[in-house]
Protein backbone atom coordinates (compact mmCIF):
# COMPACT_ATOMS: atom_id res chain seq x y z
CA MET A 1 116.62 -59.30 -75.34
CA LEU A 2 115.74 -56.34 -77.56
CA GLU A 3 112.52 -58.07 -78.55
CA ILE A 4 111.66 -58.71 -74.89
CA ASN A 5 112.30 -55.08 -73.98
CA ARG A 6 110.06 -54.01 -76.86
CA PHE A 7 107.23 -56.14 -75.46
CA ILE A 8 107.87 -54.78 -71.95
CA MET A 9 107.55 -51.20 -73.19
CA LYS A 10 104.14 -52.15 -74.60
CA LEU A 11 102.99 -52.78 -71.02
CA SER A 12 102.90 -49.02 -70.53
CA TRP A 13 99.87 -47.18 -69.18
CA ASP A 14 99.85 -45.34 -72.52
CA SER A 15 99.49 -48.50 -74.60
CA THR A 16 96.12 -49.60 -75.94
CA ASP A 17 94.39 -52.57 -74.34
CA GLU A 18 95.12 -54.63 -77.44
CA GLU A 19 98.83 -53.73 -77.43
CA LYS A 20 99.11 -54.56 -73.75
CA LYS A 21 97.24 -57.86 -74.15
CA ASN A 22 99.52 -58.96 -77.00
CA ALA A 23 102.62 -57.95 -75.05
CA ILE A 24 101.54 -59.96 -72.02
CA GLU A 25 100.81 -63.04 -74.11
CA SER A 26 104.25 -62.78 -75.71
CA LEU A 27 106.03 -62.25 -72.38
CA LEU A 28 104.40 -65.34 -70.90
CA LEU A 29 106.82 -67.26 -73.14
CA ILE A 30 109.87 -65.57 -71.59
CA GLU A 31 112.86 -67.79 -70.74
CA ASP A 32 114.37 -68.02 -67.26
CA LYS A 33 117.57 -66.26 -68.34
CA ASP A 34 115.56 -63.18 -69.34
CA MET A 35 113.12 -63.16 -66.41
CA HIS A 36 115.12 -60.45 -64.59
CA LEU A 37 114.06 -57.96 -67.26
CA LEU A 38 110.57 -57.93 -65.68
CA LEU A 39 111.94 -56.68 -62.35
CA GLN A 40 111.00 -53.00 -62.09
CA PRO A 41 112.10 -51.93 -65.60
CA LEU A 42 113.50 -48.43 -66.07
CA ASP A 43 110.12 -46.94 -67.02
CA LYS A 44 107.77 -46.98 -64.01
CA GLY A 45 104.87 -46.72 -66.42
CA VAL A 46 105.27 -50.42 -67.24
CA TRP A 47 105.63 -51.72 -63.67
CA ASP A 48 101.94 -52.54 -63.27
CA GLY A 49 102.01 -54.52 -66.47
CA ALA A 50 105.26 -56.27 -65.55
CA ALA A 51 103.73 -57.27 -62.22
CA GLU A 52 100.72 -58.70 -64.04
CA VAL A 53 103.01 -60.79 -66.25
CA ILE A 54 104.90 -62.08 -63.21
CA VAL A 55 101.71 -63.07 -61.41
CA ARG A 56 100.37 -64.82 -64.49
CA LEU A 57 103.65 -66.69 -64.92
CA GLY A 58 103.18 -67.84 -61.34
CA TYR A 59 105.34 -70.00 -59.12
CA PRO A 60 107.55 -71.97 -59.78
CA ARG A 61 108.20 -70.19 -63.11
CA VAL A 62 109.39 -67.05 -61.31
CA ASN A 63 111.57 -68.91 -58.80
CA VAL A 64 114.74 -67.40 -60.33
CA ILE A 65 113.64 -63.84 -59.49
CA LEU A 66 112.15 -64.29 -56.01
CA PRO A 67 114.84 -62.14 -54.28
CA GLY A 68 114.21 -59.35 -56.81
CA LEU A 69 110.47 -59.55 -56.24
CA LEU A 70 111.01 -58.91 -52.53
CA VAL A 71 112.84 -55.69 -53.46
CA TRP A 72 109.55 -54.54 -54.99
CA LEU A 73 108.16 -54.39 -51.45
CA GLN A 74 110.56 -51.66 -50.37
CA ASP A 75 107.78 -49.18 -51.15
CA LEU A 76 104.15 -50.27 -51.41
CA ASN A 77 103.39 -47.04 -53.29
CA TRP A 78 105.36 -48.28 -56.28
CA PRO A 79 103.23 -49.40 -59.24
CA GLY A 80 102.57 -53.12 -59.08
CA ALA A 81 103.86 -53.44 -55.51
CA MET A 82 100.58 -54.58 -53.96
CA ARG A 83 100.03 -57.13 -56.72
CA ILE A 84 103.52 -58.54 -56.10
CA ALA A 85 102.98 -58.48 -52.31
CA ASP A 86 99.75 -60.50 -52.60
CA PHE A 87 101.48 -62.94 -54.95
CA LEU A 88 104.48 -63.47 -52.66
CA SER A 89 102.27 -63.95 -49.60
CA GLU A 90 100.68 -66.99 -51.27
CA ILE A 91 103.90 -68.76 -52.32
CA GLY A 92 104.61 -70.25 -48.90
CA ASP A 93 107.79 -72.06 -47.92
CA PRO A 94 109.89 -71.27 -51.04
CA ILE A 95 109.88 -67.54 -50.16
CA VAL A 96 110.97 -68.09 -46.53
CA PRO A 97 114.77 -68.29 -47.07
CA HIS A 98 114.66 -65.12 -49.17
CA VAL A 99 112.72 -63.25 -46.49
CA ARG A 100 115.19 -64.54 -43.90
CA ASP A 101 118.05 -63.21 -46.02
CA VAL A 102 116.48 -59.74 -46.14
CA LEU A 103 115.88 -59.72 -42.38
CA LYS A 104 119.49 -60.73 -41.79
CA LYS A 105 121.14 -58.26 -44.17
CA HIS A 106 118.74 -55.32 -44.13
CA LYS A 107 117.21 -55.22 -40.65
CA GLU A 108 118.04 -51.49 -40.41
CA ASP A 109 115.82 -50.72 -43.42
CA GLU A 110 112.80 -49.76 -41.34
CA VAL A 111 110.27 -49.29 -44.13
CA TRP A 112 111.20 -52.42 -46.11
CA ILE A 113 111.12 -54.68 -43.05
CA TYR A 114 107.84 -53.09 -41.94
CA TRP A 115 106.22 -54.02 -45.27
CA LEU A 116 107.60 -57.55 -45.06
CA PHE A 117 105.84 -57.95 -41.72
CA GLU A 118 102.66 -56.29 -42.94
CA GLN A 119 102.33 -58.10 -46.26
CA ILE A 120 104.04 -61.47 -45.74
CA ILE A 121 105.27 -62.50 -42.28
CA ASP A 122 102.08 -61.60 -40.41
CA LYS A 123 100.18 -63.96 -42.73
CA TRP A 124 102.41 -66.97 -42.03
CA ASP A 125 101.70 -69.91 -39.78
CA LYS A 126 104.03 -71.09 -37.04
CA SER A 127 105.95 -73.51 -39.27
CA LYS A 128 107.15 -70.64 -41.46
CA VAL A 129 107.74 -68.19 -38.62
CA SER A 130 109.89 -70.78 -36.83
CA GLN A 131 112.25 -70.74 -39.82
CA ILE A 132 113.06 -67.07 -39.24
CA GLU A 133 113.00 -67.26 -35.44
CA GLU A 134 116.67 -66.34 -35.04
CA GLU A 135 116.29 -63.23 -37.21
CA LEU A 136 113.10 -62.16 -35.41
CA ILE A 137 114.76 -62.48 -32.02
CA ASP A 138 117.67 -60.39 -33.29
CA ILE A 139 115.26 -57.69 -34.50
CA SER A 140 113.31 -57.84 -31.21
CA ASN A 141 116.47 -56.85 -29.33
CA GLY A 142 116.86 -53.64 -31.35
CA LYS A 143 114.70 -50.54 -31.81
CA ILE A 144 113.61 -50.87 -35.44
CA ASN A 145 110.49 -52.99 -36.03
CA ASP A 146 111.31 -54.66 -32.71
CA LEU A 147 107.74 -54.49 -31.44
CA ARG A 148 106.45 -56.16 -34.61
CA ALA A 149 109.01 -58.93 -34.10
CA ILE A 150 108.05 -59.38 -30.44
CA ASN A 151 104.37 -59.50 -31.31
CA THR A 152 105.00 -62.11 -34.02
CA LEU A 153 107.11 -64.25 -31.69
CA PHE A 154 104.40 -64.02 -29.03
CA ASN A 155 101.55 -64.84 -31.41
CA HIS A 156 103.35 -67.98 -32.54
CA ASN A 157 104.28 -69.08 -29.01
CA VAL A 158 108.01 -68.58 -29.41
CA PHE A 159 107.94 -65.97 -26.63
CA ASN A 160 105.66 -66.55 -23.66
CA LEU A 161 103.94 -63.74 -21.75
CA VAL A 162 106.70 -63.56 -19.12
CA GLU A 163 109.41 -63.09 -21.75
CA VAL A 164 107.39 -60.46 -23.62
CA LYS A 165 106.67 -58.55 -20.40
CA ARG A 166 110.36 -58.66 -19.49
CA GLN A 167 111.41 -57.29 -22.86
CA LEU A 168 108.77 -54.56 -22.91
CA THR A 169 109.58 -53.51 -19.35
CA ASN A 170 113.28 -53.20 -20.18
CA LYS A 171 112.53 -51.27 -23.36
CA ILE A 172 110.25 -48.77 -21.69
CA LYS A 173 112.67 -48.23 -18.78
CA GLY A 174 115.57 -47.69 -21.15
CA THR A 175 113.57 -45.32 -23.34
CA ILE A 176 112.34 -43.26 -20.38
CA ILE A 177 115.93 -42.88 -19.15
CA GLU A 178 117.06 -41.83 -22.63
CA LEU A 179 114.19 -39.33 -22.87
CA GLU A 180 114.97 -37.84 -19.46
CA GLU A 181 118.65 -37.43 -20.32
CA LEU A 182 117.74 -35.81 -23.62
CA GLU A 183 115.33 -33.35 -21.98
CA LYS A 184 117.94 -32.54 -19.36
CA LYS A 185 120.51 -31.75 -22.05
CA TYR A 186 118.08 -29.44 -23.86
CA SER A 187 116.42 -28.03 -20.77
CA GLY A 188 114.40 -24.94 -21.55
CA VAL A 189 113.77 -25.76 -25.21
CA ASP A 190 110.09 -25.38 -26.05
CA CYS A 191 109.31 -27.57 -29.09
CA ILE A 192 105.82 -26.09 -29.50
CA GLU A 193 107.25 -22.60 -29.59
CA LEU A 194 109.96 -23.70 -32.02
CA GLU A 195 107.32 -25.10 -34.38
CA ARG A 196 105.18 -21.99 -33.99
CA GLY A 197 108.13 -19.83 -35.01
CA PHE A 198 108.67 -21.94 -38.11
CA LYS A 199 105.01 -21.67 -39.14
CA GLU A 200 105.27 -17.88 -38.99
CA VAL A 201 107.87 -17.90 -41.78
CA LEU A 202 106.65 -21.05 -43.56
CA PHE A 203 105.61 -19.26 -46.73
CA LYS A 204 108.70 -17.06 -46.86
CA PRO A 205 111.33 -19.36 -48.39
CA GLU A 206 114.41 -17.35 -47.47
CA LEU A 207 113.29 -16.77 -43.89
CA SER A 208 112.10 -20.35 -43.39
CA ARG A 209 115.42 -21.77 -44.64
CA LYS A 210 117.34 -19.41 -42.39
CA TYR A 211 115.14 -20.22 -39.39
CA HIS A 212 115.51 -23.95 -39.92
CA GLU A 213 119.26 -23.71 -40.43
CA GLU A 214 119.74 -21.60 -37.28
CA ASN A 215 117.68 -24.07 -35.24
CA LYS A 216 118.73 -27.33 -36.95
CA GLU A 217 119.97 -28.93 -33.74
CA LEU A 218 116.81 -28.00 -31.85
CA PHE A 219 114.60 -29.38 -34.62
CA SER A 220 116.60 -32.60 -34.45
CA TYR A 221 116.11 -32.72 -30.68
CA CYS A 222 112.36 -32.13 -30.91
CA GLY A 223 111.98 -34.73 -33.65
CA TYR A 224 113.84 -37.38 -31.68
CA LYS A 225 111.97 -36.49 -28.50
CA SER A 226 108.67 -36.99 -30.34
CA TYR A 227 109.92 -40.32 -31.67
CA LEU A 228 110.83 -41.55 -28.19
CA GLN A 229 107.47 -40.48 -26.78
CA GLU A 230 105.64 -42.31 -29.58
CA TYR A 231 107.83 -45.37 -29.04
CA ILE A 232 106.85 -45.43 -25.36
CA ARG A 233 103.17 -45.25 -26.33
CA GLU A 234 103.61 -48.14 -28.76
CA ILE A 235 105.32 -50.25 -26.08
CA GLU A 236 102.47 -49.54 -23.66
CA GLU A 237 99.88 -50.46 -26.30
CA LEU A 238 101.59 -53.76 -27.07
CA ASP A 239 101.88 -54.49 -23.36
CA LYS A 240 98.10 -54.05 -22.97
CA GLU A 241 97.44 -56.11 -26.07
CA VAL A 242 99.47 -59.14 -25.00
CA SER A 243 98.06 -58.92 -21.47
CA ASN A 244 94.49 -58.98 -22.80
CA PHE A 245 95.31 -61.82 -25.20
CA ALA A 246 96.84 -63.89 -22.42
C-alpha cells in the first residue's frame, strides 16, 4: 500500500511528465483490493492523474469502485470530475443500480443529483431509465430536481402529456399559494431596498455584518421569495416545452 501511495503522489501536477507517465504505468497493475486508493486521494493535486488511471483501467476493472466514482460527481469543479463523468456515462447498465442507490438515499442532495441528471441519466435510453422509474417518480413528487425528473419521465414515455400537465399545474398552484402566504406574512418588506441598504455598507465589514445580522430574517424571506419566483418560471418553461414537443 505504501508503494501504491508513492506512485499516486507522483500523479501530482508538480511532477514531471516522465514521473507521471511512470506512475500511471505502475498503477495500471493495481490489484482490486487497493483500487479504492485511487478514489479522490487526500491531495487534490493528484486527482486529475488518478482519474486518468481509472479511465485507462476501464470497465470492468474498476467495477469494485463504481459507487465511489459516483461520489466524484458531487462537484463537477473537482479535478478529474469531468473525466470520470464522461467515463461513467459510457459504462451503461452496470452503473444503473449504483445511480439508483444514490437517487434513493441522497435525493435531497440537490447539486449531486443535478449532476447525475446532467452527466449520466439524460444520456440514457429508455431501457436504463425504466430501471430507475420508481426513484424518478419519487423525486418528481418533491421540489428538488423534480422538474428534471418529470422531463426525463416524459421524454422516455413513462409520463404522458396529460400526467405532466397535471403535475405541473398542481406544482404551480401550490407554489403560488405558498408565495402569496409568504408575502402576506412579510407585507411591507421591500427586498430591493433591503439589498440596496446592504450594498451601501458592503465594503465596511463591521457595518455589513451588523446590517446582515439585524436583518437576517428578512434576507431569508427575500431569498426564499426569489427561489419560489424562479421555480414558477421554471415550471412555466417546462410546461411550454412539453406542449411544443407534444
